[in-house]
Structure formats: C-alpha cells, structure tokens
C-alpha cells in the first residue's frame, strides 16, 4: 500500500506551525531569522509580492501561535478570527466557472496564511493537522492515516517512548 501524500498547502501550514519554539531540546523560533522566515512564508505569498516586512513577520508569528492553539484545541478560533479581520478578499469568477479569492487589503503574507487555513478548513483537511501527543515534543504533523487517529508525529520517536513508559508504569503498579 502506498503512503498517503500530504497536500502541499497542509505541508506549508505544518512547516509554519513547526517554526515555533518547541520540542526537547528546545528548537528556536525560525521566524525570527529573516531568511528562514522568507523561505517558510513563500508558499503563502503571491508571485511578485515583496518579501515579508518585520511587521508582517510579527503578525504571522501571532497568527501561527493562535493556529497552534486551534489544532490543539478546536474551540480556540477567537484569536485567529481577530487576526483574519485585518485582511479582506473579493471573489473572482472566471469564464470556466472557477471561483478564486483575490486579496484586496491587509498584509499579503497574513492574507496568504488566512487563505490557506480557510481552504484547508473548508475541505476538512485542517482537522488532520495535529500536534504530537508527546507534551515534551509538540511537533505539528499532518495525519495521513485512513482512520484519522495518528497521535504522534513519529511513532518511532514519540509513540514508542509513550508506549514503553506506559508499559513500565503498569508493571510497576502490578508488580
């Protein structure tokens, strides 16, 4: 059986979520480095738009942190909604019946992230973006399982550790 592919848009959102400081040992905030931030935000930018400004990166950092809360706790949309109010889109209808959104105000990169999250949420793929159940890890990932039950970003690293720890705890209690 072939491995399920992660959609490019979901992969870009997961990469954005993983740009935050997380894991043990603590990984740095990669949005703090302008070159890395520009590379991470490229999938959210329209061709020809300028590189994100410092202000854009600050806004995206706040949006990223709000999105981490959303994928961890689905009822945490208030902050994302507040940030999404800073951008506006118009519907553009083409002759072949397709509808696209064209951003008309706000930070282009914030708009790109909002548009990506909206697209993933609209077709149910955002629910597959998760944070690792290992609290010491908290790495974001895209659940590619058919049953949508993946708990760890890597079974070999976090899942196996959790299962071994649970087994040892059970044997200590019973023995």
N, C-alpha and C. Protein backbone atom coordinates (compact mmCIF):
# COMPACT_ATOMS: atom_id res chain seq x y z
N UNK A 1 0.84 -1.18 0.00
CA UNK A 1 0.00 0.00 0.00
C UNK A 1 0.89 1.24 0.00
N UNK A 2 0.59 2.20 -0.86
CA UNK A 2 1.37 3.43 -0.98
C UNK A 2 1.08 4.36 0.20
N UNK A 3 2.11 5.07 0.61
CA UNK A 3 1.93 6.05 1.68
C UNK A 3 1.07 7.20 1.18
N UNK A 4 0.22 7.69 2.06
CA UNK A 4 -0.63 8.83 1.69
C UNK A 4 0.23 10.09 1.63
N UNK A 5 -0.08 10.92 0.66
CA UNK A 5 0.67 12.15 0.46
C UNK A 5 0.06 13.28 1.30
N UNK A 6 0.92 14.16 1.76
CA UNK A 6 0.48 15.35 2.47
C UNK A 6 0.27 16.44 1.43
N UNK A 7 -0.93 17.04 1.38
CA UNK A 7 -1.16 18.13 0.42
C UNK A 7 -0.17 19.28 0.66
N UNK A 8 0.27 19.91 -0.42
CA UNK A 8 1.29 20.97 -0.33
C UNK A 8 0.85 22.09 0.61
N UNK A 9 -0.40 22.49 0.52
CA UNK A 9 -0.89 23.56 1.38
C UNK A 9 -0.83 23.16 2.85
N UNK A 10 -1.21 21.92 3.16
CA UNK A 10 -1.15 21.42 4.54
C UNK A 10 0.30 21.33 5.00
N UNK A 11 1.18 20.91 4.11
CA UNK A 11 2.60 20.83 4.46
C UNK A 11 3.16 22.22 4.80
N UNK A 12 2.74 23.23 4.05
CA UNK A 12 3.19 24.60 4.32
C UNK A 12 2.68 25.08 5.67
N UNK A 13 1.43 24.75 6.01
CA UNK A 13 0.87 25.14 7.30
C UNK A 13 1.60 24.40 8.42
N UNK A 14 1.86 23.12 8.25
CA UNK A 14 2.59 22.35 9.27
C UNK A 14 4.00 22.94 9.46
N UNK A 15 4.67 23.27 8.36
CA UNK A 15 6.00 23.89 8.48
C UNK A 15 5.93 25.21 9.24
N UNK A 16 4.89 25.99 8.98
CA UNK A 16 4.71 27.26 9.70
C UNK A 16 4.51 26.98 11.19
N UNK A 17 3.67 26.01 11.54
CA UNK A 17 3.44 25.70 12.95
C UNK A 17 4.72 25.21 13.63
N UNK A 18 5.53 24.46 12.88
CA UNK A 18 6.77 23.95 13.46
C UNK A 18 7.89 24.99 13.50
N UNK A 19 7.60 26.20 13.04
CA UNK A 19 8.61 27.25 13.13
C UNK A 19 8.68 27.83 14.54
N UNK A 20 7.72 27.47 15.40
CA UNK A 20 7.71 27.99 16.77
C UNK A 20 8.72 27.23 17.63
N UNK A 21 9.12 27.83 18.74
CA UNK A 21 9.98 27.09 19.67
C UNK A 21 9.20 25.92 20.27
N UNK A 22 9.72 24.73 20.13
CA UNK A 22 9.06 23.54 20.68
C UNK A 22 10.07 22.42 20.77
N UNK A 23 9.66 21.32 21.35
CA UNK A 23 10.44 20.09 21.48
C UNK A 23 11.45 20.18 22.61
N UNK A 24 12.03 19.03 22.89
CA UNK A 24 13.09 18.93 23.89
C UNK A 24 14.26 18.24 23.22
N UNK A 25 15.42 18.86 23.05
CA UNK A 25 15.73 20.21 23.49
C UNK A 25 14.98 21.25 22.65
N UNK A 26 14.82 22.42 23.23
CA UNK A 26 14.03 23.49 22.62
C UNK A 26 14.60 23.90 21.26
N UNK A 27 13.74 23.84 20.24
CA UNK A 27 14.11 24.32 18.92
C UNK A 27 13.86 25.83 18.87
N UNK A 28 14.63 26.57 18.09
CA UNK A 28 14.46 28.03 18.06
C UNK A 28 13.22 28.44 17.25
N UNK A 29 12.82 29.69 17.42
CA UNK A 29 11.75 30.28 16.62
C UNK A 29 12.37 30.65 15.27
N UNK A 30 12.09 29.85 14.26
CA UNK A 30 12.74 30.08 12.96
C UNK A 30 12.15 31.27 12.20
N UNK A 31 11.01 31.80 12.64
CA UNK A 31 10.51 33.03 12.04
C UNK A 31 11.35 34.23 12.47
N UNK A 32 12.15 34.07 13.52
CA UNK A 32 13.00 35.16 14.00
C UNK A 32 14.15 35.43 13.03
N UNK A 33 14.50 34.46 12.21
CA UNK A 33 15.57 34.65 11.22
C UNK A 33 14.92 35.08 9.90
N UNK A 34 15.21 36.29 9.41
CA UNK A 34 14.54 36.80 8.21
C UNK A 34 14.66 35.89 6.98
N UNK A 35 15.82 35.30 6.75
CA UNK A 35 15.99 34.43 5.58
C UNK A 35 15.14 33.17 5.70
N UNK A 36 15.12 32.58 6.87
CA UNK A 36 14.31 31.38 7.09
C UNK A 36 12.83 31.73 7.04
N UNK A 37 12.46 32.87 7.62
CA UNK A 37 11.06 33.31 7.58
C UNK A 37 10.61 33.51 6.13
N UNK A 38 11.45 34.12 5.33
CA UNK A 38 11.08 34.34 3.92
C UNK A 38 10.85 33.01 3.21
N UNK A 39 11.70 32.01 3.47
CA UNK A 39 11.54 30.69 2.85
C UNK A 39 10.28 30.00 3.35
N UNK A 40 10.02 30.06 4.66
CA UNK A 40 8.83 29.42 5.23
C UNK A 40 7.53 30.05 4.74
N UNK A 41 7.57 31.36 4.49
CA UNK A 41 6.36 32.08 4.11
C UNK A 41 6.14 32.14 2.60
N UNK A 42 7.10 31.66 1.84
CA UNK A 42 6.99 31.68 0.38
C UNK A 42 5.71 31.00 -0.14
N UNK A 43 5.29 29.84 0.40
CA UNK A 43 4.06 29.21 -0.12
C UNK A 43 2.80 30.04 0.09
N UNK A 44 2.85 31.02 0.98
CA UNK A 44 1.68 31.84 1.29
C UNK A 44 1.67 33.17 0.54
N UNK A 45 2.69 33.42 -0.27
CA UNK A 45 2.80 34.69 -0.97
C UNK A 45 2.47 34.53 -2.44
N UNK A 46 1.82 35.54 -2.98
CA UNK A 46 1.56 35.58 -4.41
C UNK A 46 2.87 35.88 -5.12
N UNK A 47 3.06 35.34 -6.33
CA UNK A 47 4.28 35.65 -7.09
C UNK A 47 4.41 37.16 -7.29
N UNK A 48 5.61 37.64 -7.13
CA UNK A 48 5.88 39.06 -7.35
C UNK A 48 5.65 39.96 -6.16
N UNK A 49 5.12 39.41 -5.06
CA UNK A 49 4.93 40.26 -3.88
C UNK A 49 6.26 40.40 -3.15
N UNK A 50 6.47 41.54 -2.50
CA UNK A 50 7.75 41.74 -1.81
C UNK A 50 7.92 40.80 -0.63
N UNK A 51 9.15 40.66 -0.19
CA UNK A 51 9.45 39.83 0.98
C UNK A 51 8.69 40.38 2.18
N UNK A 52 8.33 39.52 3.12
CA UNK A 52 7.58 39.99 4.29
C UNK A 52 8.39 41.00 5.10
N UNK A 53 7.72 42.03 5.57
CA UNK A 53 8.36 43.04 6.42
C UNK A 53 8.46 42.50 7.85
N UNK A 54 9.17 43.22 8.69
CA UNK A 54 9.25 42.83 10.10
C UNK A 54 7.86 42.81 10.73
N UNK A 55 7.05 43.81 10.37
CA UNK A 55 5.67 43.87 10.89
C UNK A 55 4.86 42.65 10.43
N UNK A 56 5.01 42.27 9.15
CA UNK A 56 4.33 41.09 8.64
C UNK A 56 4.73 39.85 9.43
N UNK A 57 6.02 39.72 9.70
CA UNK A 57 6.51 38.53 10.42
C UNK A 57 5.97 38.51 11.84
N UNK A 58 5.88 39.68 12.48
CA UNK A 58 5.30 39.74 13.83
C UNK A 58 3.84 39.29 13.77
N UNK A 59 3.07 39.78 12.78
CA UNK A 59 1.67 39.38 12.64
C UNK A 59 1.54 37.87 12.38
N UNK A 60 2.40 37.35 11.51
CA UNK A 60 2.34 35.92 11.20
C UNK A 60 2.73 35.10 12.43
N UNK A 61 3.66 35.59 13.23
CA UNK A 61 4.05 34.88 14.45
C UNK A 61 2.86 34.77 15.41
N UNK A 62 2.12 35.85 15.57
CA UNK A 62 0.93 35.83 16.44
C UNK A 62 -0.12 34.88 15.84
N UNK A 63 -0.31 34.95 14.52
CA UNK A 63 -1.26 34.06 13.84
C UNK A 63 -0.84 32.61 13.98
N UNK A 64 0.45 32.34 13.80
CA UNK A 64 0.97 30.97 13.96
C UNK A 64 0.67 30.42 15.35
N UNK A 65 0.93 31.22 16.38
CA UNK A 65 0.70 30.77 17.75
C UNK A 65 -0.78 30.52 18.01
N UNK A 66 -1.64 31.34 17.40
CA UNK A 66 -3.09 31.13 17.53
C UNK A 66 -3.51 29.84 16.81
N UNK A 67 -2.90 29.57 15.66
CA UNK A 67 -3.22 28.34 14.91
C UNK A 67 -2.76 27.10 15.66
N UNK A 68 -1.65 27.17 16.37
CA UNK A 68 -1.21 26.04 17.19
C UNK A 68 -2.28 25.72 18.23
N UNK A 69 -2.86 26.76 18.83
CA UNK A 69 -3.93 26.54 19.81
C UNK A 69 -5.14 25.91 19.14
N UNK A 70 -5.46 26.33 17.91
CA UNK A 70 -6.62 25.80 17.19
C UNK A 70 -6.44 24.32 16.91
N UNK A 71 -5.26 23.90 16.45
CA UNK A 71 -5.08 22.48 16.12
C UNK A 71 -4.95 21.64 17.38
N UNK A 72 -4.64 22.28 18.50
CA UNK A 72 -4.57 21.55 19.78
C UNK A 72 -5.93 21.53 20.47
N UNK A 73 -6.68 22.61 20.35
CA UNK A 73 -7.98 22.79 20.99
C UNK A 73 -8.91 23.44 19.99
N UNK A 74 -9.77 22.67 19.34
CA UNK A 74 -10.58 23.21 18.25
C UNK A 74 -11.47 24.40 18.59
N UNK A 75 -11.72 24.69 19.86
CA UNK A 75 -12.58 25.82 20.19
C UNK A 75 -11.77 27.10 20.44
N UNK A 76 -10.58 27.20 19.88
CA UNK A 76 -9.70 28.34 20.11
C UNK A 76 -9.60 29.27 18.90
N UNK A 77 -10.68 29.43 18.16
CA UNK A 77 -10.66 30.21 16.92
C UNK A 77 -10.71 31.72 17.13
N UNK A 78 -11.02 32.21 18.32
CA UNK A 78 -11.24 33.64 18.52
C UNK A 78 -10.04 34.48 18.08
N UNK A 79 -8.85 34.10 18.45
CA UNK A 79 -7.66 34.88 18.08
C UNK A 79 -7.41 34.83 16.58
N UNK A 80 -7.61 33.67 15.96
CA UNK A 80 -7.46 33.56 14.50
C UNK A 80 -8.48 34.46 13.82
N UNK A 81 -9.71 34.46 14.30
CA UNK A 81 -10.74 35.33 13.72
C UNK A 81 -10.35 36.80 13.84
N UNK A 82 -9.82 37.18 14.99
CA UNK A 82 -9.41 38.58 15.20
C UNK A 82 -8.32 38.97 14.20
N UNK A 83 -7.35 38.09 14.00
CA UNK A 83 -6.25 38.37 13.08
C UNK A 83 -6.73 38.35 11.63
N UNK A 84 -7.69 37.48 11.32
CA UNK A 84 -8.21 37.39 9.96
C UNK A 84 -8.98 38.65 9.56
N UNK A 85 -9.48 39.39 10.54
CA UNK A 85 -10.20 40.63 10.25
C UNK A 85 -9.30 41.69 9.61
N UNK A 86 -7.98 41.52 9.72
CA UNK A 86 -7.06 42.51 9.16
C UNK A 86 -6.86 42.37 7.65
N UNK A 87 -7.45 41.33 7.06
CA UNK A 87 -7.32 41.13 5.61
C UNK A 87 -8.72 41.00 5.00
N UNK A 88 -8.84 41.39 3.73
CA UNK A 88 -10.12 41.27 3.03
C UNK A 88 -9.88 40.69 1.65
N UNK A 89 -10.85 39.92 1.19
CA UNK A 89 -10.78 39.26 -0.11
C UNK A 89 -12.03 39.57 -0.93
N UNK A 90 -11.88 39.54 -2.24
CA UNK A 90 -13.01 39.61 -3.16
C UNK A 90 -13.07 38.32 -3.94
N UNK A 91 -14.27 37.87 -4.23
CA UNK A 91 -14.45 36.69 -5.09
C UNK A 91 -14.20 37.10 -6.54
N UNK A 92 -13.48 36.26 -7.25
CA UNK A 92 -13.23 36.48 -8.67
C UNK A 92 -13.75 35.24 -9.41
N UNK A 93 -14.71 35.46 -10.30
CA UNK A 93 -15.33 34.37 -11.06
C UNK A 93 -14.73 34.34 -12.46
N UNK A 94 -14.29 33.16 -12.90
CA UNK A 94 -13.71 33.04 -14.23
C UNK A 94 -14.75 32.51 -15.21
N UNK A 95 -14.47 32.62 -16.50
CA UNK A 95 -15.40 32.17 -17.53
C UNK A 95 -15.64 30.66 -17.48
N UNK A 96 -14.68 29.92 -16.95
CA UNK A 96 -14.86 28.46 -16.89
C UNK A 96 -15.55 28.00 -15.60
N UNK A 97 -16.05 28.96 -14.81
CA UNK A 97 -16.83 28.60 -13.63
C UNK A 97 -16.05 28.48 -12.34
N UNK A 98 -14.77 28.71 -12.38
CA UNK A 98 -13.97 28.64 -11.15
C UNK A 98 -14.11 29.93 -10.36
N UNK A 99 -13.99 29.80 -9.05
CA UNK A 99 -14.04 30.95 -8.16
C UNK A 99 -12.73 30.99 -7.39
N UNK A 100 -12.10 32.15 -7.38
CA UNK A 100 -10.89 32.33 -6.59
C UNK A 100 -11.07 33.55 -5.71
N UNK A 101 -10.23 33.67 -4.73
CA UNK A 101 -10.24 34.84 -3.86
C UNK A 101 -9.03 35.70 -4.18
N UNK A 102 -9.27 36.99 -4.31
CA UNK A 102 -8.18 37.96 -4.54
C UNK A 102 -8.13 38.86 -3.31
N UNK A 103 -6.98 38.92 -2.70
CA UNK A 103 -6.83 39.75 -1.51
C UNK A 103 -6.81 41.22 -1.93
N UNK A 104 -7.58 42.05 -1.21
CA UNK A 104 -7.68 43.46 -1.55
C UNK A 104 -7.17 44.38 -0.45
N UNK A 105 -6.93 43.85 0.75
CA UNK A 105 -6.37 44.69 1.81
C UNK A 105 -5.67 43.81 2.83
N UNK A 106 -4.79 44.45 3.60
CA UNK A 106 -4.07 43.75 4.65
C UNK A 106 -2.73 43.22 4.18
N UNK A 107 -1.99 42.68 5.11
CA UNK A 107 -0.66 42.12 4.81
C UNK A 107 -0.80 40.94 3.86
N UNK A 108 -0.07 40.96 2.74
CA UNK A 108 -0.18 39.85 1.79
C UNK A 108 0.17 38.49 2.40
N UNK A 109 1.16 38.45 3.26
CA UNK A 109 1.56 37.16 3.81
C UNK A 109 0.56 36.68 4.86
N UNK A 110 0.01 37.58 5.65
CA UNK A 110 -1.05 37.20 6.61
C UNK A 110 -2.26 36.72 5.82
N UNK A 111 -2.60 37.43 4.76
CA UNK A 111 -3.71 37.01 3.91
C UNK A 111 -3.48 35.64 3.31
N UNK A 112 -2.24 35.37 2.90
CA UNK A 112 -1.93 34.05 2.35
C UNK A 112 -2.10 32.93 3.35
N UNK A 113 -1.69 33.18 4.59
CA UNK A 113 -1.86 32.17 5.64
C UNK A 113 -3.35 31.98 5.94
N UNK A 114 -4.09 33.08 6.05
CA UNK A 114 -5.53 33.00 6.32
C UNK A 114 -6.23 32.24 5.20
N UNK A 115 -5.88 32.55 3.95
CA UNK A 115 -6.49 31.86 2.80
C UNK A 115 -6.18 30.36 2.84
N UNK A 116 -4.93 30.00 3.16
CA UNK A 116 -4.54 28.59 3.22
C UNK A 116 -5.31 27.86 4.31
N UNK A 117 -5.41 28.46 5.49
CA UNK A 117 -6.12 27.84 6.60
C UNK A 117 -7.61 27.71 6.25
N UNK A 118 -8.18 28.75 5.62
CA UNK A 118 -9.59 28.69 5.23
C UNK A 118 -9.84 27.57 4.23
N UNK A 119 -8.94 27.41 3.26
CA UNK A 119 -9.09 26.35 2.27
C UNK A 119 -8.99 24.98 2.91
N UNK A 120 -8.02 24.81 3.81
CA UNK A 120 -7.88 23.52 4.50
C UNK A 120 -9.09 23.23 5.38
N UNK A 121 -9.59 24.25 6.07
CA UNK A 121 -10.75 24.06 6.94
C UNK A 121 -12.00 23.75 6.12
N UNK A 122 -12.15 24.42 4.97
CA UNK A 122 -13.35 24.24 4.14
C UNK A 122 -13.48 22.82 3.61
N UNK A 123 -12.35 22.18 3.30
CA UNK A 123 -12.46 20.82 2.76
C UNK A 123 -12.09 19.74 3.78
N UNK A 124 -12.02 20.11 5.07
CA UNK A 124 -11.82 19.13 6.13
C UNK A 124 -10.39 18.70 6.38
N UNK A 125 -9.44 19.25 5.63
CA UNK A 125 -8.05 18.81 5.81
C UNK A 125 -7.39 19.45 7.03
N UNK A 126 -7.88 20.59 7.51
CA UNK A 126 -7.27 21.22 8.69
C UNK A 126 -7.40 20.31 9.91
N UNK A 127 -8.47 19.52 9.97
CA UNK A 127 -8.66 18.60 11.09
C UNK A 127 -7.57 17.53 11.15
N UNK A 128 -6.87 17.33 10.05
CA UNK A 128 -5.77 16.36 10.02
C UNK A 128 -4.44 16.95 10.50
N UNK A 129 -4.39 18.26 10.67
CA UNK A 129 -3.18 18.90 11.21
C UNK A 129 -3.28 18.79 12.71
N UNK A 130 -2.27 18.19 13.30
CA UNK A 130 -2.29 17.90 14.74
C UNK A 130 -0.96 18.29 15.38
N UNK A 131 -0.97 18.27 16.70
CA UNK A 131 0.24 18.47 17.49
C UNK A 131 0.51 17.14 18.20
N UNK A 132 1.77 16.72 18.19
CA UNK A 132 2.18 15.44 18.78
C UNK A 132 1.66 15.33 20.22
N UNK A 133 1.15 14.15 20.56
CA UNK A 133 0.62 13.90 21.90
C UNK A 133 1.71 13.87 22.96
N UNK A 134 2.96 13.76 22.56
CA UNK A 134 4.08 13.82 23.50
C UNK A 134 4.27 15.28 23.88
N UNK A 135 3.92 15.64 25.10
CA UNK A 135 3.98 17.03 25.55
C UNK A 135 5.40 17.61 25.48
N UNK A 136 6.40 16.77 25.60
CA UNK A 136 7.78 17.25 25.51
C UNK A 136 8.19 17.53 24.06
N UNK A 137 7.41 17.05 23.12
CA UNK A 137 7.72 17.21 21.70
C UNK A 137 6.86 18.33 21.10
N UNK A 138 5.58 18.13 21.04
CA UNK A 138 4.57 19.04 20.48
C UNK A 138 4.86 19.48 19.05
N UNK A 139 5.47 18.58 18.28
CA UNK A 139 5.75 18.84 16.87
C UNK A 139 4.45 18.71 16.09
N UNK A 140 4.17 19.65 15.19
CA UNK A 140 2.96 19.58 14.37
C UNK A 140 3.18 18.59 13.23
N UNK A 141 2.11 17.94 12.80
CA UNK A 141 2.18 16.98 11.70
C UNK A 141 0.84 16.89 11.01
N UNK A 142 0.81 16.27 9.85
CA UNK A 142 -0.42 16.03 9.10
C UNK A 142 -0.74 14.55 9.21
N UNK A 143 -1.90 14.23 9.75
CA UNK A 143 -2.32 12.84 9.94
C UNK A 143 -2.72 12.23 8.60
N UNK A 144 -1.93 11.29 8.13
CA UNK A 144 -2.20 10.64 6.84
C UNK A 144 -2.91 9.31 6.99
N UNK A 145 -3.26 8.93 8.24
CA UNK A 145 -3.91 7.64 8.43
C UNK A 145 -5.35 7.68 7.93
N UNK A 146 -5.81 6.54 7.46
CA UNK A 146 -7.19 6.44 6.97
C UNK A 146 -8.18 6.71 8.11
N UNK A 147 -7.84 6.24 9.31
CA UNK A 147 -8.75 6.37 10.46
C UNK A 147 -8.66 7.73 11.15
N UNK A 148 -7.71 8.54 10.75
CA UNK A 148 -7.50 9.88 11.34
C UNK A 148 -7.25 9.79 12.84
N UNK A 149 -6.43 8.83 13.25
CA UNK A 149 -6.18 8.62 14.67
C UNK A 149 -4.71 8.75 15.05
N UNK A 150 -3.88 9.25 14.16
CA UNK A 150 -2.45 9.38 14.47
C UNK A 150 -2.27 10.33 15.64
N UNK A 151 -1.49 9.92 16.64
CA UNK A 151 -1.30 10.72 17.85
C UNK A 151 0.08 11.35 17.94
N UNK A 152 1.06 10.72 17.31
CA UNK A 152 2.43 11.20 17.43
C UNK A 152 2.96 11.58 16.06
N UNK A 153 3.85 12.56 16.06
CA UNK A 153 4.42 12.96 14.77
C UNK A 153 5.30 11.85 14.22
N UNK A 154 5.87 11.04 15.11
CA UNK A 154 6.69 9.91 14.72
C UNK A 154 6.46 8.79 15.73
N UNK A 155 5.94 7.69 15.25
CA UNK A 155 5.72 6.57 16.16
C UNK A 155 7.06 6.09 16.72
N UNK A 156 8.08 6.03 15.87
CA UNK A 156 9.38 5.53 16.30
C UNK A 156 9.96 6.36 17.44
N UNK A 157 9.77 7.67 17.38
CA UNK A 157 10.34 8.53 18.43
C UNK A 157 9.39 8.68 19.61
N UNK A 158 8.25 9.28 19.38
CA UNK A 158 7.35 9.64 20.48
C UNK A 158 6.38 8.53 20.84
N UNK A 159 5.82 7.86 19.87
CA UNK A 159 4.84 6.81 20.15
C UNK A 159 5.45 5.65 20.90
N UNK A 160 6.60 5.19 20.45
CA UNK A 160 7.26 4.08 21.10
C UNK A 160 7.65 4.45 22.53
N UNK A 161 8.18 5.66 22.72
CA UNK A 161 8.53 6.11 24.07
C UNK A 161 7.32 6.12 24.99
N UNK A 162 6.21 6.63 24.48
CA UNK A 162 4.99 6.70 25.30
C UNK A 162 4.51 5.30 25.66
N UNK A 163 4.54 4.39 24.71
CA UNK A 163 4.08 3.03 24.98
C UNK A 163 4.99 2.30 25.96
N UNK A 164 6.30 2.49 25.83
CA UNK A 164 7.24 1.87 26.76
C UNK A 164 7.04 2.45 28.16
N UNK A 165 6.89 3.77 28.26
CA UNK A 165 6.67 4.40 29.56
C UNK A 165 5.37 3.89 30.19
N UNK A 166 4.32 3.76 29.40
CA UNK A 166 3.04 3.26 29.93
C UNK A 166 3.18 1.81 30.39
N UNK A 167 3.89 1.00 29.61
CA UNK A 167 4.11 -0.40 29.99
C UNK A 167 4.88 -0.48 31.31
N UNK A 168 5.93 0.31 31.44
CA UNK A 168 6.73 0.29 32.68
C UNK A 168 5.90 0.75 33.87
N UNK A 169 5.06 1.75 33.67
CA UNK A 169 4.20 2.22 34.76
C UNK A 169 3.22 1.13 35.18
N UNK A 170 2.64 0.44 34.20
CA UNK A 170 1.71 -0.65 34.52
C UNK A 170 2.41 -1.78 35.27
N UNK A 171 3.60 -2.16 34.85
CA UNK A 171 4.30 -3.26 35.52
C UNK A 171 4.76 -2.86 36.93
N UNK A 172 5.08 -1.59 37.13
CA UNK A 172 5.44 -1.12 38.49
C UNK A 172 4.22 -1.22 39.41
N UNK A 173 3.05 -0.83 38.88
CA UNK A 173 1.82 -0.86 39.71
C UNK A 173 1.41 -2.29 40.03
N UNK A 174 1.55 -3.18 39.06
CA UNK A 174 1.07 -4.55 39.28
C UNK A 174 2.11 -5.43 39.97
N UNK A 175 3.35 -5.02 39.93
CA UNK A 175 4.39 -5.89 40.45
C UNK A 175 4.91 -5.46 41.75
